[in-house]
Each structure stands twice: as C-alpha cells, then as structure tokens.
Protein backbone atom coordinates (compact mmCIF):
# COMPACT_ATOMS: atom_id res chain seq x y z
CA UNK A 1 -13.07 49.51 -73.96
CA UNK A 2 -9.36 49.06 -74.69
CA UNK A 3 -7.20 51.69 -76.30
CA UNK A 4 -7.28 49.80 -79.63
CA UNK A 5 -11.04 49.13 -79.67
CA UNK A 6 -13.19 50.80 -82.31
CA UNK A 7 -16.68 51.74 -81.06
CA UNK A 8 -19.35 49.42 -82.47
CA UNK A 9 -16.91 46.76 -83.70
CA UNK A 10 -16.71 43.41 -81.91
CA UNK A 11 -13.25 41.76 -81.63
CA UNK A 12 -12.90 38.52 -83.57
CA UNK A 13 -12.30 36.34 -80.49
CA UNK A 14 -15.38 37.72 -78.75
CA UNK A 15 -17.50 37.24 -81.86
CA UNK A 16 -16.33 33.65 -82.24
CA UNK A 17 -17.07 32.92 -78.60
CA UNK A 18 -20.59 34.35 -78.87
CA UNK A 19 -21.15 32.49 -82.11
CA UNK A 20 -20.07 29.10 -80.74
CA UNK A 21 -22.04 29.54 -77.51
CA UNK A 22 -25.18 29.83 -79.65
CA UNK A 23 -24.59 26.52 -81.42
CA UNK A 24 -26.12 23.22 -80.34
CA UNK A 25 -24.59 20.18 -82.02
CA UNK A 26 -26.82 18.02 -84.18
CA UNK A 27 -27.92 14.89 -82.28
CA UNK A 28 -29.69 13.16 -85.16
CA UNK A 29 -27.81 10.01 -86.19
CA UNK A 30 -27.92 7.31 -88.83
CA UNK A 31 -26.12 4.08 -89.62
CA UNK A 32 -24.18 3.91 -92.86
CA UNK A 33 -22.20 1.27 -94.72
CA UNK A 34 -18.50 1.92 -94.24
CA UNK A 35 -18.10 2.56 -97.97
CA UNK A 36 -20.51 5.53 -97.71
CA UNK A 37 -19.24 7.03 -94.44
CA UNK A 38 -16.38 9.19 -95.73
CA UNK A 39 -16.63 12.74 -94.35
CA UNK A 40 -19.26 11.95 -91.74
CA UNK A 41 -18.69 12.47 -88.00
CA UNK A 42 -18.78 9.44 -85.71
CA UNK A 43 -21.74 9.55 -83.34
CA UNK A 44 -20.17 7.07 -80.92
CA UNK A 45 -16.72 5.70 -80.24
CA UNK A 46 -15.67 2.54 -82.06
CA UNK A 47 -14.04 -0.27 -80.09
CA UNK A 48 -11.89 -2.90 -81.73
CA UNK A 49 -13.83 -6.18 -81.97
CA UNK A 50 -10.58 -8.14 -82.31
CA UNK A 51 -6.82 -7.85 -82.08
CA UNK A 52 -4.91 -6.26 -84.95
CA UNK A 53 -3.00 -8.05 -86.25
CA UNK A 54 -5.11 -11.12 -85.37
CA UNK A 55 -2.05 -13.41 -85.17
CA UNK A 56 1.74 -13.21 -84.96
CA UNK A 57 3.04 -12.58 -88.46
CA UNK A 58 6.22 -11.89 -90.34
CA UNK A 59 7.34 -8.34 -91.08
CA UNK A 60 9.70 -9.56 -93.81
CA UNK A 61 10.15 -12.10 -96.55
CA UNK A 62 12.62 -14.60 -95.13
CA UNK A 63 12.93 -17.64 -92.90
CA UNK A 64 11.36 -18.35 -89.51
CA UNK A 65 13.54 -20.13 -86.94
CA UNK A 66 13.68 -21.10 -83.27
CA UNK A 67 16.38 -19.01 -81.60
CA UNK A 68 16.84 -21.75 -78.98
CA UNK A 69 18.43 -23.89 -81.71
CA UNK A 70 20.98 -21.33 -82.87
CA UNK A 71 23.88 -22.73 -80.84
CA UNK A 72 23.41 -26.33 -82.03
CA UNK A 73 22.60 -25.92 -85.71
CA UNK A 74 24.90 -24.62 -88.44
CA UNK A 75 22.62 -25.23 -91.40
CA UNK A 76 18.82 -25.10 -91.16
CA UNK A 77 16.95 -27.30 -93.64
CA UNK A 78 13.71 -25.79 -94.96
CA UNK A 79 10.78 -27.92 -93.78
CA UNK A 80 7.89 -25.92 -95.22
CA UNK A 81 6.43 -22.63 -96.36
CA UNK A 82 4.05 -20.06 -94.86
CA UNK A 83 2.33 -17.52 -97.10
CA UNK A 84 -0.11 -14.70 -96.33
CA UNK A 85 -3.51 -16.39 -96.33
CA UNK A 86 -1.94 -19.86 -96.57
CA UNK A 87 -0.12 -20.64 -93.31
CA UNK A 88 2.10 -23.68 -92.87
CA UNK A 89 -0.01 -26.56 -91.56
CA UNK A 90 2.38 -29.47 -91.85
CA UNK A 91 4.51 -31.20 -89.23
CA UNK A 92 7.25 -29.00 -87.82
CA UNK A 93 10.65 -30.65 -87.68
CA UNK A 94 13.20 -29.86 -85.03
CA UNK A 95 16.29 -27.93 -86.07
CA UNK A 96 14.68 -26.65 -89.26
CA UNK A 97 13.31 -23.39 -90.66
CA UNK A 98 10.17 -22.31 -92.47
CA UNK A 99 10.23 -20.24 -95.64
CA UNK A 100 7.91 -17.33 -94.80
CA UNK A 101 6.48 -14.28 -96.59
CA UNK A 102 5.52 -10.84 -95.30
CA UNK A 103 2.19 -10.99 -93.45
CA UNK A 104 2.22 -14.78 -93.14
CA UNK A 105 1.41 -16.38 -89.80
CA UNK A 106 4.40 -17.36 -87.66
CA UNK A 107 4.35 -21.11 -86.93
CA UNK A 108 3.97 -22.07 -83.26
CA UNK A 109 7.20 -21.97 -81.23
CA UNK A 110 9.12 -20.08 -83.93
CA UNK A 111 10.38 -16.77 -82.55
CA UNK A 112 12.49 -14.96 -85.15
CA UNK A 113 12.50 -14.22 -88.86
CA UNK A 114 15.73 -13.76 -90.78
CA UNK A 115 15.52 -11.56 -93.86
CA UNK A 116 16.08 -13.49 -97.06
CA UNK A 117 18.88 -11.04 -97.95
CA UNK A 118 20.82 -12.20 -94.86
CA UNK A 119 20.97 -15.92 -95.67
CA UNK A 120 22.80 -18.18 -98.08
CA UNK A 121 20.63 -20.86 -99.64
CA UNK A 122 21.91 -24.32 -100.67
CA UNK A 123 20.44 -27.75 -101.30
CA UNK A 124 20.92 -28.52 -97.60
CA UNK A 125 19.08 -25.43 -96.36
CA UNK A 126 20.13 -21.97 -95.21
CA UNK A 127 23.17 -20.63 -93.38
CA UNK A 128 23.59 -17.19 -91.80
CA UNK A 129 25.53 -15.23 -89.20
CA UNK A 130 23.97 -16.33 -85.89
CA UNK A 131 25.56 -13.37 -84.09
CA UNK A 132 23.24 -11.04 -85.99
CA UNK A 133 20.04 -12.84 -84.98
CA UNK A 134 17.94 -11.78 -81.98
CA UNK A 135 14.80 -13.26 -80.48
CA UNK A 136 11.52 -11.83 -81.86
CA UNK A 137 13.22 -9.95 -84.69
CA UNK A 138 11.01 -9.14 -87.69
CA UNK A 139 7.87 -10.44 -85.96
CA UNK A 140 4.65 -8.42 -85.64
CA UNK A 141 2.80 -9.75 -82.63
CA UNK A 142 -0.91 -10.32 -82.24
CA UNK A 143 -2.56 -7.11 -80.98
CA UNK A 144 0.61 -5.11 -81.50
CA UNK A 145 -1.30 -2.39 -83.41
CA UNK A 146 -4.70 -2.52 -81.67
CA UNK A 147 -5.90 -4.80 -78.90
CA UNK A 148 -9.43 -6.11 -78.63
CA UNK A 149 -11.77 -3.58 -76.92
CA UNK A 150 -9.34 -0.70 -77.41
CA UNK A 151 -11.03 2.52 -78.58
CA UNK A 152 -9.98 2.67 -82.21
CA UNK A 153 -11.75 5.95 -83.04
CA UNK A 154 -13.47 8.36 -80.67
CA UNK A 155 -16.88 9.93 -81.14
CA UNK A 156 -16.63 13.34 -82.77
CA UNK A 157 -14.04 12.13 -85.29
CA UNK A 158 -14.73 13.19 -88.86
CA UNK A 159 -13.93 10.15 -90.95
CA UNK A 160 -11.02 10.44 -93.36
CA UNK A 161 -9.63 7.90 -95.81
CA UNK A 162 -7.18 6.82 -93.08
CA UNK A 163 -10.03 6.23 -90.63
CA UNK A 164 -12.03 4.28 -93.20
CA UNK A 165 -9.00 2.04 -93.77
CA UNK A 166 -8.62 1.49 -90.02
CA UNK A 167 -12.27 0.50 -89.62
CA UNK A 168 -11.99 -1.85 -92.58
CA UNK A 169 -8.93 -3.43 -90.96
CA UNK A 170 -11.11 -4.12 -87.93
CA UNK A 171 -13.75 -5.77 -90.11
CA UNK A 172 -16.34 -3.09 -89.33
CA UNK A 173 -18.75 -2.69 -92.22
CA UNK A 174 -21.25 -0.23 -90.71
CA UNK A 175 -20.85 2.87 -88.51
CA UNK A 176 -23.15 5.17 -86.56
CA UNK A 177 -22.65 8.77 -87.67
CA UNK A 178 -24.12 12.22 -87.13
CA UNK A 179 -26.40 13.54 -89.82
CA UNK A 180 -24.64 16.10 -92.00
CA UNK A 181 -25.55 19.74 -91.32
CA UNK A 182 -28.04 21.09 -93.84
CA UNK A 183 -26.87 24.51 -94.96
CA UNK A 184 -29.00 26.69 -97.23
CA UNK A 185 -27.05 29.44 -98.97
CA UNK A 186 -27.71 32.21 -101.44
CA UNK A 187 -26.25 35.44 -102.81
CA UNK A 188 -28.03 38.79 -102.84
CA UNK A 189 -27.71 41.64 -105.31
CA UNK A 190 -29.35 42.95 -108.47
CA UNK A 191 -25.92 43.19 -110.07
CA UNK A 192 -25.22 39.46 -109.84
CA UNK A 193 -25.58 37.00 -112.69
CA UNK A 194 -24.96 33.24 -112.82
CA UNK A 195 -21.68 32.08 -114.28
CA UNK A 196 -22.09 31.37 -117.98
CA UNK A 197 -24.58 34.15 -118.74
CA UNK A 198 -23.65 37.20 -120.77
CA UNK A 199 -23.08 40.28 -118.61
CA UNK A 200 -24.77 43.60 -119.23
CA UNK A 201 -23.43 46.96 -118.13
CA UNK A 202 -22.93 47.12 -114.35
CA UNK A 203 -23.30 43.38 -113.84
CA UNK A 204 -20.81 40.88 -112.37
CA UNK A 205 -20.67 37.14 -111.97
CA UNK A 206 -21.76 35.58 -108.69
CA UNK A 207 -18.50 34.03 -107.49
CA UNK A 208 -19.39 33.88 -103.80
CA UNK A 209 -21.97 31.15 -104.18
CA UNK A 210 -19.44 28.87 -105.85
CA UNK A 211 -16.86 29.52 -103.13
CA UNK A 212 -19.37 28.95 -100.32
CA UNK A 213 -20.65 25.73 -101.90
CA UNK A 214 -17.13 24.36 -102.34
CA UNK A 215 -16.22 25.14 -98.74
CA UNK A 216 -19.46 23.66 -97.38
CA UNK A 217 -18.82 20.42 -99.21
CA UNK A 218 -15.25 20.34 -97.89
CA UNK A 219 -16.66 20.81 -94.38
CA UNK A 220 -18.98 17.83 -94.77
CA UNK A 221 -22.27 19.68 -95.17
CA UNK A 222 -25.35 19.05 -97.25
CA UNK A 223 -25.20 22.24 -99.32
CA UNK A 224 -28.58 23.60 -100.50
CA UNK A 225 -28.11 26.23 -103.20
CA UNK A 226 -30.97 28.76 -103.29
CA UNK A 227 -29.44 30.83 -106.07
CA UNK A 228 -29.36 34.60 -106.43
CA UNK A 229 -31.93 36.70 -104.58
CA UNK A 230 -32.65 40.24 -105.85
CA UNK A 231 -32.36 43.32 -103.62
CA UNK A 232 -35.98 43.15 -102.55
CA UNK A 233 -37.21 42.92 -98.93
CA UNK A 234 -40.14 40.80 -100.08
CA UNK A 235 -37.99 38.30 -101.97
CA UNK A 236 -35.47 38.17 -99.13
CA UNK A 237 -38.22 37.51 -96.60
CA UNK A 238 -39.62 34.73 -98.76
CA UNK A 239 -36.16 33.18 -99.22
CA UNK A 240 -35.30 33.38 -95.52
CA UNK A 241 -38.56 31.68 -94.53
CA UNK A 242 -37.99 28.89 -97.03
CA UNK A 243 -34.35 28.47 -96.00
CA UNK A 244 -35.31 28.34 -92.32
CA UNK A 245 -37.76 25.51 -92.98
CA UNK A 246 -35.20 23.23 -94.66
CA UNK A 247 -31.87 23.89 -92.96
CA UNK A 248 -29.81 24.01 -89.77
CA UNK A 249 -27.84 27.03 -90.97
CA UNK A 250 -28.48 29.81 -93.47
CA UNK A 251 -25.59 31.59 -95.19
CA UNK A 252 -26.10 34.65 -97.34
CA UNK A 253 -23.52 36.81 -99.08
CA UNK A 254 -24.06 40.53 -99.55
CA UNK A 255 -26.72 42.84 -98.19
CA UNK A 256 -25.28 43.24 -94.67
CA UNK A 257 -23.45 46.54 -95.20
CA UNK A 258 -24.96 50.03 -94.92
CA UNK A 259 -25.93 50.68 -98.52
CA UNK A 260 -29.44 51.78 -99.46
CA UNK A 261 -30.11 48.40 -101.11
CA UNK A 262 -28.62 46.28 -98.32
CA UNK A 263 -31.75 44.75 -96.80
CA UNK A 264 -30.51 41.46 -95.37
CA UNK A 265 -29.90 42.72 -91.85
CA UNK A 266 -33.30 44.44 -91.65
CA UNK A 267 -35.14 41.36 -92.89
CA UNK A 268 -33.28 39.15 -90.43
CA UNK A 269 -34.16 41.50 -87.56
CA UNK A 270 -37.83 41.33 -88.55
CA UNK A 271 -37.91 37.53 -88.81
CA UNK A 272 -35.60 36.59 -85.95
CA UNK A 273 -32.80 38.08 -83.92
CA UNK A 274 -29.36 39.52 -84.60
CA UNK A 275 -26.68 38.48 -82.14
CA UNK A 276 -24.02 40.78 -83.54
CA UNK A 277 -23.14 42.80 -86.62
CA UNK A 278 -19.89 44.55 -87.56
CA UNK A 279 -16.61 42.98 -86.53
CA UNK A 280 -13.15 44.33 -85.82
CA UNK A 281 -11.74 42.32 -88.72
CA UNK A 282 -10.26 43.22 -92.08
CA UNK A 283 -11.51 42.22 -94.54
CA UNK A 284 -15.00 41.20 -93.41
CA UNK A 285 -16.29 43.94 -91.12
CA UNK A 286 -19.97 43.70 -92.18
CA UNK A 287 -20.59 40.16 -90.87
CA UNK A 288 -23.96 39.41 -89.28
CA UNK A 289 -24.88 36.50 -87.03
CA UNK A 290 -28.27 35.58 -85.64
CA UNK A 291 -31.16 33.14 -85.61
CA UNK A 292 -34.52 32.62 -87.23
CA UNK A 293 -36.35 30.41 -84.76
CA UNK A 294 -33.92 27.48 -84.25
CA UNK A 295 -32.00 28.01 -87.48
CA UNK A 296 -28.66 29.79 -87.32
CA UNK A 297 -27.82 32.56 -89.76
CA UNK A 298 -24.51 33.96 -90.99
CA UNK A 299 -24.54 36.98 -93.26
CA UNK A 300 -21.23 37.24 -95.12
CA UNK A 301 -20.01 40.43 -96.79
CA UNK A 302 -20.52 40.70 -100.53
CA UNK A 303 -16.88 41.32 -101.43
CA UNK A 304 -15.42 37.95 -102.45
CA UNK A 305 -12.30 38.02 -100.27
CA UNK A 306 -14.28 39.27 -97.26
CA UNK A 307 -16.78 36.46 -97.74
CA UNK A 308 -14.08 33.79 -97.83
CA UNK A 309 -12.15 35.21 -94.87
CA UNK A 310 -15.22 35.30 -92.62
CA UNK A 311 -16.33 31.89 -93.88
CA UNK A 312 -12.92 30.50 -92.95
CA UNK A 313 -12.39 32.29 -89.63
CA UNK A 314 -15.95 32.23 -88.23
CA UNK A 315 -18.26 29.89 -90.13
CA UNK A 316 -15.81 26.99 -90.31
CA UNK A 317 -15.61 26.45 -86.51
CA UNK A 318 -19.38 27.03 -86.25
CA UNK A 319 -20.03 24.20 -88.70
CA UNK A 320 -17.55 21.96 -86.89
CA UNK A 321 -19.50 22.37 -83.65
CA UNK A 322 -22.86 22.06 -85.40
CA UNK A 323 -21.68 18.78 -86.95
CA UNK A 324 -20.53 17.46 -83.53
CA UNK A 325 -16.98 17.39 -84.90
CA UNK A 326 -15.37 17.68 -81.48
CA UNK A 327 -11.97 16.64 -82.87
CA UNK A 328 -11.83 19.63 -85.20
CA UNK A 329 -8.64 21.63 -84.77
CA UNK A 330 -7.93 25.24 -85.52
CA UNK A 331 -5.67 25.87 -88.52
CA UNK A 332 -1.96 25.65 -87.75
CA UNK A 333 -0.24 28.92 -86.83
CA UNK A 334 3.48 29.61 -87.17
CA UNK A 335 5.83 32.55 -86.80
CA UNK A 336 7.40 33.89 -89.99
CA UNK A 337 9.78 36.64 -91.03
CA UNK A 338 8.37 39.24 -93.41
CA UNK A 339 10.00 39.92 -96.75
CA UNK A 340 8.29 43.27 -97.22
CA UNK A 341 6.50 46.14 -95.48
CA UNK A 342 2.82 45.63 -94.54
CA UNK A 343 0.52 48.61 -94.04
CA UNK A 344 -1.90 48.45 -91.11
CA UNK A 345 -3.74 50.70 -88.66
CA UNK A 346 -4.61 49.53 -85.12
CA UNK A 347 -8.19 48.58 -84.30
CA UNK A 348 -8.98 45.55 -86.45
CA UNK A 349 -7.41 42.09 -86.82
CA UNK A 350 -6.09 42.00 -90.36
CA UNK A 351 -6.05 38.77 -92.38
CA UNK A 352 -3.73 39.58 -95.26
CA UNK A 353 -3.25 36.96 -97.93
CA UNK A 354 0.27 35.64 -98.08
CA UNK A 355 2.69 33.09 -99.47
CA UNK A 356 5.04 31.43 -97.02
CA UNK A 357 8.21 29.58 -97.94
CA UNK A 358 10.74 27.59 -95.93
CA UNK A 359 14.41 28.25 -96.61
CA UNK A 360 17.23 26.68 -94.59
CA UNK A 361 14.79 25.82 -91.83
CA UNK A 362 13.45 29.38 -91.56
CA UNK A 363 9.94 30.50 -92.50
CA UNK A 364 9.46 33.63 -94.61
CA UNK A 365 6.25 35.27 -95.79
CA UNK A 366 5.18 37.92 -98.26
CA UNK A 367 1.82 39.20 -99.40
CA UNK A 368 0.19 38.13 -102.64
CA UNK A 369 -0.06 41.73 -103.81
CA UNK A 370 -3.24 43.78 -103.90
CA UNK A 371 -4.99 43.26 -100.55
CA UNK A 372 -8.30 44.89 -101.50
CA UNK A 373 -11.36 42.94 -100.35
CA UNK A 374 -12.45 42.69 -103.97
CA UNK A 375 -9.13 41.44 -105.33
CA UNK A 376 -9.78 37.72 -105.44
CA UNK A 377 -6.54 36.84 -107.20
CA UNK A 378 -4.77 37.59 -103.91
CA UNK A 379 -6.72 34.75 -102.32
CA UNK A 380 -6.16 32.33 -105.18
CA UNK A 381 -2.38 32.79 -105.01
CA UNK A 382 -2.12 32.51 -101.22
CA UNK A 383 -1.24 29.52 -99.04
CA UNK A 384 -1.72 31.28 -95.70
CA UNK A 385 -3.18 34.25 -93.89
CA UNK A 386 -0.82 36.80 -92.40
CA UNK A 387 -2.62 37.55 -89.14
CA UNK A 388 -1.84 41.04 -87.88
CA UNK A 389 -3.28 41.46 -84.40
CA UNK A 390 -5.86 44.13 -83.61
CA UNK A 391 -3.46 46.35 -81.67
CA UNK A 392 -0.64 46.06 -84.21
CA UNK A 393 0.43 48.85 -86.54
CA UNK A 394 2.29 48.61 -89.84
CA UNK A 395 4.96 45.92 -90.09
CA UNK A 396 8.47 46.50 -91.38
CA UNK A 397 10.44 44.10 -93.54
CA UNK A 398 12.27 41.55 -91.37
CA UNK A 399 9.80 41.66 -88.48
CA UNK A 400 8.10 38.54 -87.12
CA UNK A 401 4.41 37.93 -87.79
CA UNK A 402 1.92 35.14 -87.17
CA UNK A 403 0.77 33.16 -90.18
CA UNK A 404 -2.18 30.79 -90.31
CA UNK A 405 -1.73 27.96 -92.79
CA UNK A 406 -4.67 27.12 -95.00
CA UNK A 407 -6.25 23.80 -94.06
CA UNK A 408 -8.14 21.37 -96.30
CA UNK A 409 -11.16 23.71 -96.50
CA UNK A 410 -9.19 25.81 -98.98
CA UNK A 411 -7.67 22.87 -100.88
C-alpha cells in the first residue's frame, strides 16, 4: 500500500481496469437501413465499393481548357457547357474551352479549370492571363477522396452524422451493426418521488433516473427505466431478478452506502457477486460493481453529483466496451492555471466541477462554487472536471492542474 492509499478504498485506475476486464463485448449483430443506423456501432469494416469522386470534376465554376494550347491561343471560344449531372456530350473543338460548373465532369483531354472571376468574356470567347494557369488546377480527380476497396470506416466505429454522410456518398444503403446494449436502471429510496408529484415532508424528487437515462441514450444504449424501488430487500431482490432477465447491464442509484436502509449491496451479494465496493474517488466513494449471472451491475451513489461523476468516469468506458465501440476515446485532458484556491486532502482522486476559459492562448480554470456531492448546480454550470490526483493536497491560486473536458455524454 502506498503512502497515499486509504485502507479499503480502491484507486480509480485499478477499479476501471478491473471493471473493463470483466466486460465482454456484445457480439449480436443486425443489418439496418443507413437512415436508421445513427448511433450504432459498426460490426464490420466498410470498404468503398467505388471511387469517390467517381469521375474527374471541377472544383470551381469557370472554364475548362487544355493547357497544351495555352501558347498558341489568345482567345478561347466557348464550345459547350458541362453541368453537375449533365456533362458535356457534344463534339469537342480544338483550341476552345468548355463552360463548366462546380461538380461537373471534366471533358476528356481537358486538364485545367480557370475560375470565372479570372476571365474576361466577350462574343469571341474568353481571355485570361496564361501565366497564372497551371496544369490540373481546380480539378478534383477520380478517387482523390476515397479509392475503390479502401476501408472507409473501421469496425468498432460508432456512427455519427459525418459517418452517415460518408456512407451515403459511397452509395451504401444498409450497414451491419452491433445490437445496442440493453441497460435496465432504477433508483432506490423511500424518500424519492417522481418528478411532477407533490412532495411531502422529507421527500425529494428522483433526479438521478433522469440523468442516467439521458446519459445512456447519449451513449447509444437501449435504456429500460424500472422506476423507483423502495428500501425493501424483497422489492430490490424482485427488481434485480427482473432486470437481470432483460438486460446486459443493471444500473441502480442509491443504497450502496452504509446506512441502515442501504440494502442494494447486500441483495447483490446474495444474488450474484461483488467485484469491488468503495473507491478512492471524490465524489462517488460508495460505488459497487459486480455481476448477477452474466449481467453486469453498477451501483451508483445516491447523491446526484456522485452518481453523475461515477457514471461519467467508470460506467461510460464500460458501456463503450460492452457496445464493441473500440474507437471510443477518453475525454480530452488539458493543463490549466487555477484562478482560486482548491481544498483537498490526499488519498482520493477528486473530480471538482469547474469552468475553463481560454484567454490569450492560455487556459484558466475555476470551480463552479459549492463542491458538495449533493450540490447539483455545480455540475450544471461546469464544462469540465478539475482532476486532482490521489496524492495531491490543496491547490493554491496560480498552480497548474489537469482538467478533463466534458464530452458529448454531458451535452
């Protein structure tokens, strides 16, 4: 044990490693129309069935010429037109040019396009400065973007709008994808009430379920909402058994601390196995991970900020691996200068909520205020985590810290 280790608490990196080593990626696949494939993960690499672009075409509106004729011709008569989707198909005259539009096919043997802004047009044709013309200028060649049989997208890519556009460019109308992870989730606690109901004394709204659902959908999951489960071992057991039968992953919030009514960990231990519990992280120490038969389980803390931090730091990469999203990347980290003093004791990695700004090429960061695990406004205002390493103590104003920028899961 290192000098900064706290007995019984597992470091974040170790917990993440143990978590990911327990995950087997989903191998169930399906074929979907391209229009329905957004957010799915490719099950196999996609090769280009043809060159892109499929023919030499003009990058500009202008005039196509033969550069071999530049020294002999002063004025080029216009012998035809070529439009996108309507190429020139007439007889090409020597010592002449073709009026051409962006994206239109370049006529055979023509090897340069002069921008329309660079020519003077008369009844006899066009004139221009031949010293400013070079061979192949303003021409996009066949296969210049993608060549036939090139790998356009690799397996493990989660399809974005950009990827969908690329596949459409290739004329691909159907793709083989990995089935979305099925994630059953619920909140626990007698004090919780659904949003919209009137609260009685001692009751609060269940915000965690809404946050978890939103993040699951951002991560490309099939989110199965099992509602609020009371603090009852019998009801928890019933819910866990049902969740296990319909999902690849179970996520609960609350019930994994050490309170007298926190039964989640005990029920999980009775039904399956607990891999670890209690992390050297702040906020989010009471995080449980295990399995019920072949279904994974993550027990998030009940405090809203703790739930979102552990969901982001631990559950997000778990889901990426479960979904076979091999191209998933960790959130971007940068170094920033602090604008204020941060309190911290060694022993736990601290994920403080912060706002970073860029001024004159330098990155600065400050906290969003109250850093209590129940102060959700601090999360709503933030655009990054200020990651204070486990061994680090309090930070003075002007010191350098690591910040982790929020990725699309939080936007």
